[in-house]
Amino acid sequence: MPWYAWLFLALAFGTVIGSLLLLRDSADKMPLSEEELERMHKRNAEQDAKARREDGEDE
């Protein structure tokens, strides 16, 4: 394989790895209050129950 193909592969891998490292460094936890967290859990439970009901109707 010619040298420029190796250069292209190295640049491609470097771009992917660099992007992943940048994404990891910029990821922050979302500060949620207890009230917001409770609302999220309740909404998720409602959506799960709705999905189970819809799956039961299909059978």
PDB file of N, CA and C in Angstrom:
ATOM      1  N   MET A   1       0.851  -1.177   0.000  1.00  0.00           N
ATOM      2  CA  MET A   1       0.000   0.000   0.000  1.00  0.00           C
ATOM      3  C   MET A   1       0.897   1.241   0.000  1.00  0.00           C
ATOM      4  N   PRO A   2       0.557   2.220  -0.778  1.00  0.00           N
ATOM      5  CA  PRO A   2       1.402   3.427  -0.840  1.00  0.00           C
ATOM      6  C   PRO A   2       1.340   4.229   0.462  1.00  0.00           C
ATOM      7  N   TRP A   3       2.348   5.101   0.622  1.00  0.00           N
ATOM      8  CA  TRP A   3       2.462   5.853   1.865  1.00  0.00           C
ATOM      9  C   TRP A   3       1.278   6.775   2.095  1.00  0.00           C
ATOM     10  N   TYR A   4       0.673   7.301   1.050  1.00  0.00           N
ATOM     11  CA  TYR A   4      -0.430   8.234   1.236  1.00  0.00           C
ATOM     12  C   TYR A   4      -1.704   7.517   1.695  1.00  0.00           C
ATOM     13  N   ALA A   5      -1.825   6.239   1.396  1.00  0.00           N
ATOM     14  CA  ALA A   5      -2.953   5.471   1.911  1.00  0.00           C
ATOM     15  C   ALA A   5      -2.811   5.292   3.425  1.00  0.00           C
ATOM     16  N   TRP A   6      -1.581   5.023   3.881  1.00  0.00           N
ATOM     17  CA  TRP A   6      -1.351   4.908   5.322  1.00  0.00           C
ATOM     18  C   TRP A   6      -1.605   6.242   6.013  1.00  0.00           C
ATOM     19  N   LEU A   7      -1.214   7.320   5.363  1.00  0.00           N
ATOM     20  CA  LEU A   7      -1.449   8.655   5.914  1.00  0.00           C
ATOM     21  C   LEU A   7      -2.944   8.925   6.022  1.00  0.00           C
ATOM     22  N   PHE A   8      -3.680   8.581   4.999  1.00  0.00           N
ATOM     23  CA  PHE A   8      -5.126   8.763   5.023  1.00  0.00           C
ATOM     24  C   PHE A   8      -5.771   7.948   6.140  1.00  0.00           C
ATOM     25  N   LEU A   9      -5.354   6.688   6.303  1.00  0.00           N
ATOM     26  CA  LEU A   9      -5.886   5.848   7.381  1.00  0.00           C
ATOM     27  C   LEU A   9      -5.555   6.426   8.751  1.00  0.00           C
ATOM     28  N   ALA A  10      -4.330   6.901   8.926  1.00  0.00           N
ATOM     29  CA  ALA A  10      -3.939   7.494  10.207  1.00  0.00           C
ATOM     30  C   ALA A  10      -4.764   8.744  10.502  1.00  0.00           C
ATOM     31  N   LEU A  11      -4.999   9.568   9.491  1.00  0.00           N
ATOM     32  CA  LEU A  11      -5.827  10.760   9.691  1.00  0.00           C
ATOM     33  C   LEU A  11      -7.268  10.399  10.028  1.00  0.00           C
ATOM     34  N   ALA A  12      -7.790   9.391   9.377  1.00  0.00           N
ATOM     35  CA  ALA A  12      -9.165   8.967   9.651  1.00  0.00           C
ATOM     36  C   ALA A  12      -9.294   8.452  11.084  1.00  0.00           C
ATOM     37  N   PHE A  13      -8.381   7.575  11.505  1.00  0.00           N
ATOM     38  CA  PHE A  13      -8.431   7.065  12.871  1.00  0.00           C
ATOM     39  C   PHE A  13      -8.210   8.188  13.879  1.00  0.00           C
ATOM     40  N   GLY A  14      -7.297   9.088  13.585  1.00  0.00           N
ATOM     41  CA  GLY A  14      -7.045  10.208  14.482  1.00  0.00           C
ATOM     42  C   GLY A  14      -8.255  11.102  14.642  1.00  0.00           C
ATOM     43  N   THR A  15      -8.978  11.321  13.556  1.00  0.00           N
ATOM     44  CA  THR A  15     -10.186  12.140  13.611  1.00  0.00           C
ATOM     45  C   THR A  15     -11.254  11.479  14.470  1.00  0.00           C
ATOM     46  N   VAL A  16     -11.455  10.185  14.290  1.00  0.00           N
ATOM     47  CA  VAL A  16     -12.465   9.466  15.065  1.00  0.00           C
ATOM     48  C   VAL A  16     -12.095   9.464  16.541  1.00  0.00           C
ATOM     49  N   ILE A  17     -10.870   9.120  16.853  1.00  0.00           N
ATOM     50  CA  ILE A  17     -10.440   9.060  18.258  1.00  0.00           C
ATOM     51  C   ILE A  17     -10.474  10.444  18.887  1.00  0.00           C
ATOM     52  N   GLY A  18     -10.039  11.462  18.159  1.00  0.00           N
ATOM     53  CA  GLY A  18     -10.091  12.819  18.676  1.00  0.00           C
ATOM     54  C   GLY A  18     -11.512  13.278  18.956  1.00  0.00           C
ATOM     55  N   SER A  19     -12.434  12.935  18.075  1.00  0.00           N
ATOM     56  CA  SER A  19     -13.835  13.300  18.274  1.00  0.00           C
ATOM     57  C   SER A  19     -14.409  12.617  19.499  1.00  0.00           C
ATOM     58  N   LEU A  20     -14.089  11.344  19.678  1.00  0.00           N
ATOM     59  CA  LEU A  20     -14.580  10.626  20.855  1.00  0.00           C
ATOM     60  C   LEU A  20     -14.017  11.207  22.148  1.00  0.00           C
ATOM     61  N   LEU A  21     -12.738  11.575  22.149  1.00  0.00           N
ATOM     62  CA  LEU A  21     -12.152  12.179  23.336  1.00  0.00           C
ATOM     63  C   LEU A  21     -12.772  13.543  23.631  1.00  0.00           C
ATOM     64  N   LEU A  22     -13.034  14.322  22.604  1.00  0.00           N
ATOM     65  CA  LEU A  22     -13.673  15.616  22.786  1.00  0.00           C
ATOM     66  C   LEU A  22     -15.084  15.447  23.333  1.00  0.00           C
ATOM     67  N   LEU A  23     -15.816  14.472  22.836  1.00  0.00           N
ATOM     68  CA  LEU A  23     -17.156  14.201  23.317  1.00  0.00           C
ATOM     69  C   LEU A  23     -17.131  13.789  24.785  1.00  0.00           C
ATOM     70  N   ARG A  24     -16.169  12.943  25.152  1.00  0.00           N
ATOM     71  CA  ARG A  24     -16.058  12.511  26.541  1.00  0.00           C
ATOM     72  C   ARG A  24     -15.742  13.679  27.467  1.00  0.00           C
ATOM     73  N   ASP A  25     -14.870  14.562  27.029  1.00  0.00           N
ATOM     74  CA  ASP A  25     -14.489  15.698  27.866  1.00  0.00           C
ATOM     75  C   ASP A  25     -15.609  16.717  28.009  1.00  0.00           C
ATOM     76  N   SER A  26     -16.469  16.823  27.009  1.00  0.00           N
ATOM     77  CA  SER A  26     -17.523  17.828  27.066  1.00  0.00           C
ATOM     78  C   SER A  26     -18.802  17.306  27.715  1.00  0.00           C
ATOM     79  N   ALA A  27     -18.865  16.038  28.023  1.00  0.00           N
ATOM     80  CA  ALA A  27     -20.063  15.462  28.626  1.00  0.00           C
ATOM     81  C   ALA A  27     -20.120  15.835  30.110  1.00  0.00           C
ATOM     82  N   ASP A  28     -21.237  16.420  30.507  1.00  0.00           N
ATOM     83  CA  ASP A  28     -21.449  16.794  31.904  1.00  0.00           C
ATOM     84  C   ASP A  28     -22.721  16.138  32.399  1.00  0.00           C
ATOM     85  N   LYS A  29     -22.767  15.933  33.702  1.00  0.00           N
ATOM     86  CA  LYS A  29     -23.989  15.423  34.292  1.00  0.00           C
ATOM     87  C   LYS A  29     -25.016  16.543  34.325  1.00  0.00           C
ATOM     88  N   MET A  30     -26.272  16.169  34.178  1.00  0.00           N
ATOM     89  CA  MET A  30     -27.333  17.163  34.230  1.00  0.00           C
ATOM     90  C   MET A  30     -27.740  17.361  35.692  1.00  0.00           C
ATOM     91  N   PRO A  31     -27.594  18.563  36.206  1.00  0.00           N
ATOM     92  CA  PRO A  31     -28.020  18.795  37.582  1.00  0.00           C
ATOM     93  C   PRO A  31     -29.550  18.858  37.649  1.00  0.00           C
ATOM     94  N   LEU A  32     -30.160  17.851  38.242  1.00  0.00           N
ATOM     95  CA  LEU A  32     -31.611  17.786  38.352  1.00  0.00           C
ATOM     96  C   LEU A  32     -32.011  17.871  39.818  1.00  0.00           C
ATOM     97  N   SER A  33     -33.090  18.572  40.074  1.00  0.00           N
ATOM     98  CA  SER A  33     -33.612  18.611  41.436  1.00  0.00           C
ATOM     99  C   SER A  33     -34.349  17.297  41.706  1.00  0.00           C
ATOM    100  N   GLU A  34     -34.630  17.056  42.959  1.00  0.00           N
ATOM    101  CA  GLU A  34     -35.359  15.820  43.313  1.00  0.00           C
ATOM    102  C   GLU A  34     -36.739  15.806  42.668  1.00  0.00           C
ATOM    103  N   GLU A  35     -37.361  16.978  42.569  1.00  0.00           N
ATOM    104  CA  GLU A  35     -38.695  17.069  41.969  1.00  0.00           C
ATOM    105  C   GLU A  35     -38.645  16.702  40.489  1.00  0.00           C
ATOM    106  N   GLU A  36     -37.654  17.216  39.766  1.00  0.00           N
ATOM    107  CA  GLU A  36     -37.521  16.902  38.340  1.00  0.00           C
ATOM    108  C   GLU A  36     -37.213  15.426  38.132  1.00  0.00           C
ATOM    109  N   LEU A  37     -36.367  14.872  38.979  1.00  0.00           N
ATOM    110  CA  LEU A  37     -36.021  13.457  38.876  1.00  0.00           C
ATOM    111  C   LEU A  37     -37.242  12.581  39.123  1.00  0.00           C
ATOM    112  N   GLU A  38     -38.033  12.944  40.126  1.00  0.00           N
ATOM    113  CA  GLU A  38     -39.245  12.183  40.423  1.00  0.00           C
ATOM    114  C   GLU A  38     -40.229  12.261  39.253  1.00  0.00           C
ATOM    115  N   ARG A  39     -40.361  13.451  38.650  1.00  0.00           N
ATOM    116  CA  ARG A  39     -41.243  13.609  37.493  1.00  0.00           C
ATOM    117  C   ARG A  39     -40.786  12.744  36.328  1.00  0.00           C
ATOM    118  N   MET A  40     -39.466  12.674  36.127  1.00  0.00           N
ATOM    119  CA  MET A  40     -38.931  11.839  35.047  1.00  0.00           C
ATOM    120  C   MET A  40     -39.221  10.364  35.288  1.00  0.00           C
ATOM    121  N   HIS A  41     -39.043   9.909  36.517  1.00  0.00           N
ATOM    122  CA  HIS A  41     -39.313   8.503  36.842  1.00  0.00           C
ATOM    123  C   HIS A  41     -40.794   8.182  36.641  1.00  0.00           C
ATOM    124  N   LYS A  42     -41.653   9.101  37.063  1.00  0.00           N
ATOM    125  CA  LYS A  42     -43.092   8.876  36.905  1.00  0.00           C
ATOM    126  C   LYS A  42     -43.465   8.812  35.427  1.00  0.00           C
ATOM    127  N   ARG A  43     -42.927   9.732  34.622  1.00  0.00           N
ATOM    128  CA  ARG A  43     -43.225   9.758  33.182  1.00  0.00           C
ATOM    129  C   ARG A  43     -42.707   8.486  32.505  1.00  0.00           C
ATOM    130  N   ASN A  44     -41.522   8.022  32.894  1.00  0.00           N
ATOM    131  CA  ASN A  44     -40.983   6.778  32.326  1.00  0.00           C
ATOM    132  C   ASN A  44     -41.855   5.584  32.675  1.00  0.00           C
ATOM    133  N   ALA A  45     -42.334   5.549  33.916  1.00  0.00           N
ATOM    134  CA  ALA A  45     -43.202   4.442  34.327  1.00  0.00           C
ATOM    135  C   ALA A  45     -44.501   4.472  33.533  1.00  0.00           C
ATOM    136  N   GLU A  46     -45.053   5.669  33.316  1.00  0.00           N
ATOM    137  CA  GLU A  46     -46.283   5.776  32.522  1.00  0.00           C
ATOM    138  C   GLU A  46     -46.055   5.315  31.089  1.00  0.00           C
ATOM    139  N   GLN A  47     -44.936   5.697  30.505  1.00  0.00           N
ATOM    140  CA  GLN A  47     -44.634   5.289  29.128  1.00  0.00           C
ATOM    141  C   GLN A  47     -44.429   3.779  29.035  1.00  0.00           C
ATOM    142  N   ASP A  48     -43.772   3.186  30.038  1.00  0.00           N
ATOM    143  CA  ASP A  48     -43.581   1.736  30.045  1.00  0.00           C
ATOM    144  C   ASP A  48     -44.918   1.013  30.153  1.00  0.00           C
ATOM    145  N   ALA A  49     -45.808   1.523  31.022  1.00  0.00           N
ATOM    146  CA  ALA A  49     -47.125   0.901  31.176  1.00  0.00           C
ATOM    147  C   ALA A  49     -47.919   1.010  29.877  1.00  0.00           C
ATOM    148  N   LYS A  50     -47.840   2.171  29.228  1.00  0.00           N
ATOM    149  CA  LYS A  50     -48.542   2.365  27.957  1.00  0.00           C
ATOM    150  C   LYS A  50     -48.007   1.411  26.892  1.00  0.00           C
ATOM    151  N   ALA A  51     -46.690   1.252  26.842  1.00  0.00           N
ATOM    152  CA  ALA A  51     -46.084   0.345  25.861  1.00  0.00           C
ATOM    153  C   ALA A  51     -46.498  -1.100  26.125  1.00  0.00           C
ATOM    154  N   ARG A  52     -46.561  -1.485  27.395  1.00  0.00           N
ATOM    155  CA  ARG A  52     -46.992  -2.854  27.727  1.00  0.00           C
ATOM    156  C   ARG A  52     -48.447  -3.078  27.322  1.00  0.00           C
ATOM    157  N   ARG A  53     -49.299  -2.069  27.562  1.00  0.00           N
ATOM    158  CA  ARG A  53     -50.716  -2.195  27.168  1.00  0.00           C
ATOM    159  C   ARG A  53     -50.832  -2.336  25.663  1.00  0.00           C
ATOM    160  N   GLU A  54     -50.070  -1.530  24.910  1.00  0.00           N
ATOM    161  CA  GLU A  54     -50.131  -1.595  23.453  1.00  0.00           C
ATOM    162  C   GLU A  54     -49.591  -2.921  22.935  1.00  0.00           C
ATOM    163  N   ASP A  55     -48.553  -3.452  23.569  1.00  0.00           N
ATOM    164  CA  ASP A  55     -48.018  -4.756  23.159  1.00  0.00           C
ATOM    165  C   ASP A  55     -49.008  -5.857  23.447  1.00  0.00           C
ATOM    166  N   GLY A  56     -49.747  -5.740  24.536  1.00  0.00           N
ATOM    167  CA  GLY A  56     -50.747  -6.741  24.887  1.00  0.00           C
ATOM    168  C   GLY A  56     -51.921  -6.744  23.923  1.00  0.00           C
ATOM    169  N   GLU A  57     -52.256  -5.568  23.382  1.00  0.00           N
ATOM    170  CA  GLU A  57     -53.357  -5.481  22.429  1.00  0.00           C
ATOM    171  C   GLU A  57     -52.986  -6.097  21.087  1.00  0.00           C
ATOM    172  N   ASP A  58     -51.714  -6.070  20.734  1.00  0.00           N
ATOM    173  CA  ASP A  58     -51.275  -6.593  19.455  1.00  0.00           C
ATOM    174  C   ASP A  58     -51.346  -8.106  19.392  1.00  0.00           C
ATOM    175  N   GLU A  59     -51.248  -8.739  20.530  1.00  0.00           N
ATOM    176  CA  GLU A  59     -51.186 -10.216  20.520  1.00  0.00           C
ATOM    177  C   GLU A  59     -52.529 -10.835  20.382  1.00  0.00           C
TER     178      GLU A  59
END
